[in-house]
N, C-alpha and C. Protein backbone atom coordinates (compact mmCIF):
# COMPACT_ATOMS: atom_id res chain seq x y z
N UNK A 1 169.02 99.07 25.72
CA UNK A 1 167.96 100.67 26.43
C UNK A 1 167.70 99.60 27.79
N UNK A 2 168.28 100.47 29.24
CA UNK A 2 168.13 100.02 29.98
C UNK A 2 166.42 100.70 30.61
N UNK A 3 166.27 100.06 31.36
CA UNK A 3 164.98 99.38 31.61
C UNK A 3 164.72 99.48 33.54
N UNK A 4 164.15 100.24 33.92
CA UNK A 4 163.82 101.11 34.99
C UNK A 4 163.10 99.99 35.25
N UNK A 5 163.17 100.87 36.71
CA UNK A 5 162.33 99.54 37.91
C UNK A 5 161.57 100.91 38.81
N UNK A 6 160.63 100.43 38.85
CA UNK A 6 159.56 101.95 39.10
C UNK A 6 158.82 101.11 40.04
N UNK A 7 159.40 100.23 40.78
CA UNK A 7 158.86 99.05 42.14
C UNK A 7 158.81 99.67 43.51
N UNK A 8 159.35 100.52 43.60
CA UNK A 8 159.78 101.30 45.19
C UNK A 8 159.04 102.69 44.95
N UNK A 9 158.82 103.15 43.54
CA UNK A 9 158.53 104.50 43.35
C UNK A 9 157.05 104.97 43.64
N UNK A 10 156.33 106.14 44.09
CA UNK A 10 154.79 106.54 44.71
C UNK A 10 154.14 107.33 43.90
N UNK A 11 153.77 107.85 43.33
CA UNK A 11 153.01 109.24 43.18
C UNK A 11 152.19 109.11 44.24
N UNK A 12 151.88 110.49 45.07
CA UNK A 12 150.94 110.76 45.94
C UNK A 12 150.33 112.35 45.65
N UNK A 13 148.60 112.05 46.00
CA UNK A 13 147.91 113.16 45.47
C UNK A 13 147.39 113.42 47.04
N UNK A 14 147.55 115.16 47.74
CA UNK A 14 146.52 115.09 49.40
C UNK A 14 146.02 116.00 48.58
N UNK A 15 144.97 115.62 49.97
CA UNK A 15 144.23 116.88 49.80
C UNK A 15 143.82 117.54 51.25
N UNK A 16 144.09 118.14 52.53
CA UNK A 16 143.98 118.36 53.37
C UNK A 16 143.43 119.26 54.10
N UNK A 17 142.62 119.77 52.77
CA UNK A 17 141.51 120.72 53.30
C UNK A 17 142.03 122.38 54.37
N UNK A 18 141.87 122.67 55.55
CA UNK A 18 142.48 124.15 55.53
C UNK A 18 142.49 123.90 56.67
N UNK A 19 142.41 122.78 57.17
CA UNK A 19 143.36 122.62 58.72
C UNK A 19 143.78 121.45 58.64
N UNK A 20 144.65 121.41 57.30
CA UNK A 20 144.94 119.84 57.79
C UNK A 20 145.88 120.00 57.88
N UNK A 21 146.59 119.07 58.17
CA UNK A 21 147.81 118.50 58.75
C UNK A 21 149.33 118.70 58.32
N UNK A 22 149.45 120.06 57.99
CA UNK A 22 150.44 119.84 56.47
C UNK A 22 151.45 119.73 57.12
N UNK A 23 152.15 120.23 58.11
CA UNK A 23 153.36 120.82 58.40
C UNK A 23 154.46 118.99 58.57
N UNK A 24 153.73 118.00 58.94
CA UNK A 24 153.78 116.91 59.03
C UNK A 24 153.78 116.00 57.47
N UNK A 25 152.68 116.39 57.07
CA UNK A 25 152.69 115.67 55.08
C UNK A 25 154.20 116.12 54.65
N UNK A 26 154.19 117.21 54.91
CA UNK A 26 155.80 117.96 54.38
C UNK A 26 156.76 117.45 54.84
N UNK A 27 157.23 117.20 55.73
CA UNK A 27 158.03 116.29 56.81
C UNK A 27 158.63 115.32 56.52
N UNK A 28 156.96 114.44 56.15
CA UNK A 28 157.24 112.80 56.00
C UNK A 28 157.77 113.87 54.26
N UNK A 29 157.48 114.18 52.85
CA UNK A 29 157.72 114.31 51.88
C UNK A 29 158.91 114.49 51.91
N UNK A 30 159.27 115.12 52.43
CA UNK A 30 160.62 115.74 52.54
C UNK A 30 161.68 115.18 52.98
N UNK A 31 162.40 113.94 53.73
CA UNK A 31 162.14 113.14 54.24
C UNK A 31 163.15 112.49 53.35
N UNK A 32 161.25 111.47 52.44
CA UNK A 32 161.59 110.39 51.70
C UNK A 32 161.88 111.92 50.13
N UNK A 33 162.39 113.17 50.01
CA UNK A 33 163.10 113.65 48.86
C UNK A 33 162.27 114.26 48.07
N UNK A 34 161.11 113.80 48.01
CA UNK A 34 159.84 113.68 47.00
C UNK A 34 159.72 114.97 45.74
N UNK A 35 159.54 114.90 44.84
CA UNK A 35 159.87 115.83 43.70
C UNK A 35 158.32 116.07 43.08
N UNK A 36 157.64 118.01 43.24
CA UNK A 36 156.96 118.21 43.38
C UNK A 36 156.10 117.66 42.18
N UNK A 37 154.93 117.39 41.24
CA UNK A 37 154.83 117.43 40.28
C UNK A 37 152.63 118.33 40.28
N UNK A 38 153.16 119.17 40.40
CA UNK A 38 152.08 120.18 40.51
C UNK A 38 151.75 120.39 42.26
N UNK A 39 150.36 121.10 41.67
CA UNK A 39 149.03 121.38 42.94
C UNK A 39 149.22 120.40 44.28
N UNK A 40 149.33 119.98 44.63
CA UNK A 40 148.81 118.81 45.59
C UNK A 40 149.69 116.96 45.25
N UNK A 41 150.57 117.47 43.78
CA UNK A 41 151.24 115.59 43.38
C UNK A 41 152.56 116.06 43.71
N UNK A 42 153.04 114.63 44.00
CA UNK A 42 154.36 114.57 43.79
C UNK A 42 154.44 113.36 43.78
N UNK A 43 155.85 112.53 43.31
CA UNK A 43 156.40 111.48 43.65
C UNK A 43 157.43 110.89 44.59
N UNK A 44 158.16 110.23 44.75
CA UNK A 44 159.08 109.89 45.80
C UNK A 44 159.48 108.11 45.20
N UNK A 45 161.00 107.72 45.96
CA UNK A 45 161.23 106.95 46.53
C UNK A 45 161.17 106.30 47.45
N UNK A 46 160.00 105.17 48.12
CA UNK A 46 160.47 104.41 49.16
C UNK A 46 160.85 103.58 49.56
N UNK A 47 161.06 102.69 50.13
CA UNK A 47 162.00 101.69 50.16
C UNK A 47 160.57 100.36 51.30
N UNK A 48 160.28 100.71 50.71
CA UNK A 48 159.12 99.04 50.64
C UNK A 48 159.68 97.85 51.89
N UNK A 49 159.43 97.27 52.24
CA UNK A 49 159.79 96.41 53.89
C UNK A 49 159.95 95.47 52.95
N UNK A 50 160.31 93.71 52.76
CA UNK A 50 159.51 92.72 51.97
C UNK A 50 160.07 92.11 50.41
N UNK A 51 160.10 90.96 50.48
CA UNK A 51 159.66 90.45 48.96
C UNK A 51 158.73 89.80 48.77
N UNK A 52 158.41 90.24 47.22
CA UNK A 52 157.28 89.35 46.64
C UNK A 52 156.48 90.57 46.86
N UNK A 53 155.88 91.93 47.30
CA UNK A 53 154.94 92.70 47.56
C UNK A 53 154.34 92.29 46.95
N UNK A 54 152.77 93.25 47.05
CA UNK A 54 151.60 92.46 45.63
C UNK A 54 151.47 94.57 46.65
N UNK A 55 150.47 95.22 45.72
CA UNK A 55 149.99 96.27 46.04
C UNK A 55 149.36 96.79 46.77
N UNK A 56 148.59 95.50 47.75
CA UNK A 56 147.89 95.52 49.06
C UNK A 56 149.11 96.35 50.32
N UNK A 57 149.95 94.63 50.09
CA UNK A 57 151.27 95.57 50.70
C UNK A 57 151.70 96.54 50.80
N UNK A 58 152.09 97.04 49.53
CA UNK A 58 152.18 98.45 49.99
C UNK A 58 151.65 99.38 49.95
N UNK A 59 150.67 99.47 49.72
CA UNK A 59 149.51 100.10 50.58
C UNK A 59 149.33 100.57 51.88
N UNK A 60 149.40 99.49 52.10
CA UNK A 60 148.96 98.53 54.13
C UNK A 60 150.65 99.81 54.23
N UNK A 61 151.69 99.37 54.18
CA UNK A 61 153.24 99.98 53.89
C UNK A 61 152.45 100.85 54.34
N UNK A 62 152.26 102.00 53.24
CA UNK A 62 152.27 104.19 52.95
C UNK A 62 151.47 103.89 53.78
N UNK A 63 149.74 103.39 54.79
CA UNK A 63 148.98 103.81 55.09
C UNK A 63 149.81 104.76 56.58
N UNK A 64 150.26 102.81 56.82
CA UNK A 64 150.82 102.55 58.23
C UNK A 64 151.55 103.87 58.36
N UNK A 65 152.22 104.09 57.80
CA UNK A 65 153.71 104.65 57.94
C UNK A 65 153.00 106.28 58.28
N UNK A 66 152.45 106.94 57.18
CA UNK A 66 151.64 108.01 56.93
C UNK A 66 150.88 108.03 58.53
N UNK A 67 150.48 106.99 59.28
CA UNK A 67 149.29 107.16 60.34
C UNK A 67 149.85 107.56 61.64
N UNK A 68 151.40 107.33 61.27
CA UNK A 68 152.43 106.82 62.55
C UNK A 68 152.48 108.53 62.50
N UNK A 69 153.03 108.87 61.33
CA UNK A 69 153.43 111.00 61.29
C UNK A 69 153.00 111.85 61.16
N UNK A 70 151.22 111.64 60.52
CA UNK A 70 150.39 112.18 59.98
C UNK A 70 148.70 112.21 61.30
N UNK A 71 148.32 113.12 61.46
CA UNK A 71 147.05 113.34 62.34
C UNK A 71 146.31 113.15 61.05
N UNK A 72 145.54 112.40 60.19
CA UNK A 72 144.74 112.54 59.57
C UNK A 72 143.01 112.35 60.17
N UNK A 73 142.21 114.01 58.92
CA UNK A 73 141.39 113.62 60.06
C UNK A 73 140.16 113.44 58.91
N UNK A 74 138.80 113.41 59.62
CA UNK A 74 137.61 112.36 57.88
C UNK A 74 137.72 112.91 56.70
N UNK A 75 137.95 114.79 57.10
CA UNK A 75 137.70 114.99 55.31
C UNK A 75 139.32 114.67 54.65
N UNK A 76 140.62 114.45 54.84
CA UNK A 76 141.17 114.14 54.17
C UNK A 76 141.45 113.27 53.67
N UNK A 77 142.18 113.56 52.23
CA UNK A 77 142.21 111.95 50.89
C UNK A 77 143.62 112.30 50.75
N UNK A 78 144.15 111.36 50.81
CA UNK A 78 145.25 110.67 50.58
C UNK A 78 145.12 109.25 49.23
N UNK A 79 145.24 110.21 48.43
CA UNK A 79 145.08 109.87 47.17
C UNK A 79 146.82 108.92 46.65
N UNK A 80 146.94 107.60 46.35
CA UNK A 80 148.12 106.75 45.90
C UNK A 80 148.68 105.54 44.67
N UNK A 81 149.76 105.65 43.72
CA UNK A 81 149.22 105.31 42.79
C UNK A 81 150.96 104.53 43.24
N UNK A 82 151.34 102.83 43.50
CA UNK A 82 152.21 102.27 43.68
C UNK A 82 152.75 101.29 42.60
N UNK A 83 153.67 100.88 41.82
CA UNK A 83 154.24 100.09 41.31
C UNK A 83 154.99 98.67 41.40
N UNK A 84 154.54 97.74 40.76
CA UNK A 84 154.45 95.55 40.88
C UNK A 84 156.07 95.91 40.80
N UNK A 85 156.44 94.83 40.59
CA UNK A 85 157.64 94.62 39.88
C UNK A 85 158.31 94.73 38.70
N UNK A 86 156.70 94.61 37.59
CA UNK A 86 157.05 95.04 36.28
C UNK A 86 156.81 96.26 36.05
N UNK A 87 156.68 96.74 36.75
CA UNK A 87 156.41 98.55 36.76
C UNK A 87 154.78 99.13 36.46
N UNK A 88 154.01 97.82 36.52
CA UNK A 88 152.58 98.47 36.19
C UNK A 88 152.17 98.90 37.65
N UNK A 89 151.51 99.81 36.80
CA UNK A 89 150.82 101.16 38.16
C UNK A 89 149.18 100.60 38.61
N UNK A 90 148.99 100.73 40.31
CA UNK A 90 147.83 101.10 40.75
C UNK A 90 147.58 102.10 41.28
N UNK A 91 146.62 101.97 41.40
CA UNK A 91 146.14 103.68 42.94
C UNK A 91 144.60 103.20 43.57
N UNK A 92 144.56 104.00 44.71
CA UNK A 92 144.01 103.43 45.84
C UNK A 92 143.83 104.79 46.31
N UNK A 93 142.69 105.26 47.33
CA UNK A 93 143.03 105.85 49.03
C UNK A 93 143.04 105.60 49.09
N UNK A 94 144.20 105.31 50.07
CA UNK A 94 144.62 105.02 51.59
C UNK A 94 143.95 106.25 52.78
N UNK A 95 143.27 107.39 52.50
CA UNK A 95 142.26 107.80 53.10
C UNK A 95 141.40 109.08 52.04
N UNK A 96 140.14 109.13 52.74
CA UNK A 96 138.94 109.80 52.11
C UNK A 96 138.47 108.77 50.65
N UNK A 97 137.63 108.75 49.83
CA UNK A 97 137.00 109.27 48.77
C UNK A 97 137.08 109.80 47.72
N UNK A 98 136.73 109.46 46.32
CA UNK A 98 136.65 109.68 45.40
C UNK A 98 135.34 110.90 45.89
N UNK A 99 135.88 112.28 44.99
CA UNK A 99 134.18 113.53 45.36
C UNK A 99 133.59 113.37 43.87
N UNK A 100 132.84 114.20 43.52
CA UNK A 100 131.70 114.63 41.76
C UNK A 100 133.32 115.78 42.05
N UNK A 101 133.94 115.92 40.74
CA UNK A 101 134.95 116.89 39.74
C UNK A 101 134.11 117.98 40.03
N UNK A 102 134.41 119.57 39.86
CA UNK A 102 134.14 120.65 40.18
C UNK A 102 133.84 120.43 38.57
N UNK A 103 134.03 119.52 38.02
CA UNK A 103 133.63 119.98 35.97
C UNK A 103 132.34 118.74 35.71
N UNK A 104 132.67 118.43 36.53
CA UNK A 104 131.07 117.98 36.49
C UNK A 104 130.03 118.29 36.42
N UNK A 105 129.68 117.82 34.85
CA UNK A 105 128.06 119.01 35.19
C UNK A 105 128.68 119.98 33.00
N UNK A 106 129.63 119.78 33.19
CA UNK A 106 129.93 121.13 32.09
C UNK A 106 129.93 119.76 30.38
N UNK A 107 130.37 119.26 30.09
CA UNK A 107 130.21 118.74 28.51
C UNK A 107 128.99 117.72 28.97
N UNK A 108 127.57 117.69 27.96
CA UNK A 108 126.97 118.23 27.79
C UNK A 108 126.28 116.82 27.06
N UNK A 109 125.23 116.02 28.01
CA UNK A 109 125.46 115.27 28.78
C UNK A 109 123.71 114.52 26.85
N UNK A 110 124.54 113.02 26.73
CA UNK A 110 123.59 112.22 25.72
C UNK A 110 122.71 111.81 26.37
N UNK A 111 121.36 111.51 26.68
CA UNK A 111 120.41 110.88 26.87
C UNK A 111 120.10 109.60 25.92
N UNK A 112 120.05 108.73 26.96
CA UNK A 112 119.58 107.19 25.73
C UNK A 112 118.80 106.82 26.52
N UNK A 113 117.14 106.98 25.68
CA UNK A 113 116.38 106.93 26.05
C UNK A 113 115.30 105.50 25.41
N UNK A 114 115.26 104.68 26.36
CA UNK A 114 114.97 103.32 25.84
C UNK A 114 113.56 102.77 25.89
N UNK A 115 113.33 103.73 26.50
CA UNK A 115 111.87 103.68 26.00
C UNK A 115 111.00 104.20 24.69
N UNK A 116 110.34 102.59 24.43
CA UNK A 116 109.49 102.77 23.66
C UNK A 116 108.00 104.40 22.54
N UNK A 117 107.72 104.74 24.06
CA UNK A 117 106.88 105.03 24.16
C UNK A 117 107.62 107.24 24.47
């Protein structure tokens, strides 16, 4: 069995809102021949520079490259997953942060009442 090397693969999720600079992002993604993975999701191979790169090195290189090519606004969100040399993934928001998901509140909540009365 051939062992796959995932160290240069990036999974990217984006939410640029209605005023986002999609054209610049699409040029970036097309340059790297990104493959569609559903709405606002893709993966591509990225040529990271250097050797013995840790996750933070890879996050920084991607963030710097994206900032150079795309005008990011305060509400834009870009989340990426990169892999270390062993193929173990780790994700991080390069821009923006988590929001409360639209499905929050659909499942019944279990109240844990620890008060004695």
